Amino acid sequence: MDKEGLWKYAPVLLVGIALIFQYNLFVTPERLEQKHREILQEVSTTYITKEHYKEQYDEIKVQLNDMQRKLDEIYKIVIKEHQ
């Protein structure tokens, strides 16, 4: 490419380079690692682990079974009183 063509397209190249820097189109490894840590922190505060979910699920199951057993007892008592 000759000097004439370079001078012709120089403003377009400068605008292109300015846009690349302005909108951070290319990420440095440090910024990528920082964002990765932020995402991991957000995920750990927002979601629970599978093990924790299973523990809570089992606990709720036990509580529901206990409630069902108590309701059955109440039902039996009510039936006995009305016979």
Protein backbone atom coordinates (compact mmCIF):
# COMPACT_ATOMS: atom_id res chain seq x y z
CA MET A 1 0.00 0.00 0.00
CA ASP A 2 1.43 3.38 -0.95
CA LYS A 3 1.54 6.54 1.18
CA GLU A 4 -1.38 8.05 -0.68
CA GLY A 5 -3.67 5.12 0.22
CA LEU A 6 -2.43 5.19 3.81
CA TRP A 7 -3.31 8.87 4.18
CA LYS A 8 -6.64 8.22 2.53
CA TYR A 9 -7.67 5.53 5.05
CA ALA A 10 -5.86 6.90 8.13
CA PRO A 11 -8.95 8.62 9.64
CA VAL A 12 -10.97 5.41 9.30
CA LEU A 13 -8.19 3.42 10.95
CA LEU A 14 -7.92 5.95 13.78
CA VAL A 15 -11.68 5.83 14.41
CA GLY A 16 -11.57 2.03 14.36
CA ILE A 17 -8.71 1.89 16.85
CA ALA A 18 -10.41 4.50 19.05
CA LEU A 19 -13.62 2.44 19.10
CA ILE A 20 -11.69 -0.69 20.03
CA PHE A 21 -10.16 1.08 23.04
CA GLN A 22 -13.32 2.97 23.97
CA TYR A 23 -15.60 -0.08 24.09
CA ASN A 24 -12.94 -2.47 25.43
CA LEU A 25 -13.42 -4.96 22.62
CA PHE A 26 -10.25 -6.80 23.59
CA VAL A 27 -9.87 -7.99 27.17
CA THR A 28 -6.63 -8.43 29.04
CA PRO A 29 -6.08 -11.68 30.96
CA GLU A 30 -6.09 -9.76 34.26
CA ARG A 31 -9.51 -8.23 33.60
CA LEU A 32 -10.82 -11.58 32.42
CA GLU A 33 -9.62 -13.26 35.62
CA GLN A 34 -11.15 -10.46 37.71
CA LYS A 35 -14.51 -10.88 35.97
CA HIS A 36 -14.28 -14.65 36.44
CA ARG A 37 -13.81 -14.15 40.20
CA GLU A 38 -16.76 -11.75 40.31
CA ILE A 39 -18.98 -14.27 38.53
CA LEU A 40 -17.91 -17.08 40.87
CA GLN A 41 -18.62 -14.88 43.90
CA GLU A 42 -22.07 -13.96 42.58
CA VAL A 43 -22.91 -17.59 41.81
CA SER A 44 -21.81 -18.75 45.26
CA THR A 45 -24.02 -16.14 46.97
CA THR A 46 -27.03 -16.68 44.69
CA TYR A 47 -27.21 -20.44 44.24
CA ILE A 48 -26.80 -23.44 46.53
CA THR A 49 -24.79 -26.56 45.96
CA LYS A 50 -26.36 -29.86 44.97
CA GLU A 51 -25.42 -31.40 48.33
CA HIS A 52 -27.07 -28.56 50.25
CA TYR A 53 -30.18 -28.88 48.09
CA LYS A 54 -30.36 -32.63 48.77
CA GLU A 55 -30.02 -32.06 52.53
CA GLN A 56 -32.83 -29.51 52.50
CA TYR A 57 -34.98 -31.72 50.31
CA ASP A 58 -34.54 -34.69 52.66
CA GLU A 59 -35.32 -32.50 55.66
CA ILE A 60 -38.52 -31.21 54.06
CA LYS A 61 -39.49 -34.78 53.17
CA VAL A 62 -39.12 -35.84 56.79
CA GLN A 63 -41.17 -32.85 57.95
CA LEU A 64 -43.94 -33.60 55.45
CA ASN A 65 -44.04 -37.24 56.51
CA ASP A 66 -44.30 -36.14 60.12
CA MET A 67 -47.14 -33.76 59.26
CA GLN A 68 -48.93 -36.52 57.37
CA ARG A 69 -48.59 -38.86 60.34
CA LYS A 70 -49.99 -36.22 62.70
CA LEU A 71 -52.89 -35.49 60.37
CA ASP A 72 -53.68 -39.19 60.22
CA GLU A 73 -53.73 -39.31 64.03
CA ILE A 74 -56.05 -36.29 64.17
CA TYR A 75 -58.30 -37.89 61.58
CA LYS A 76 -58.50 -41.09 63.62
CA ILE A 77 -59.35 -39.16 66.79
CA VAL A 78 -62.08 -37.16 65.03
CA ILE A 79 -63.57 -40.35 63.56
CA LYS A 80 -63.58 -42.08 66.97
CA GLU A 81 -65.36 -39.14 68.61
CA HIS A 82 -68.11 -39.05 65.98
CA GLN A 83 -68.96 -42.72 66.03
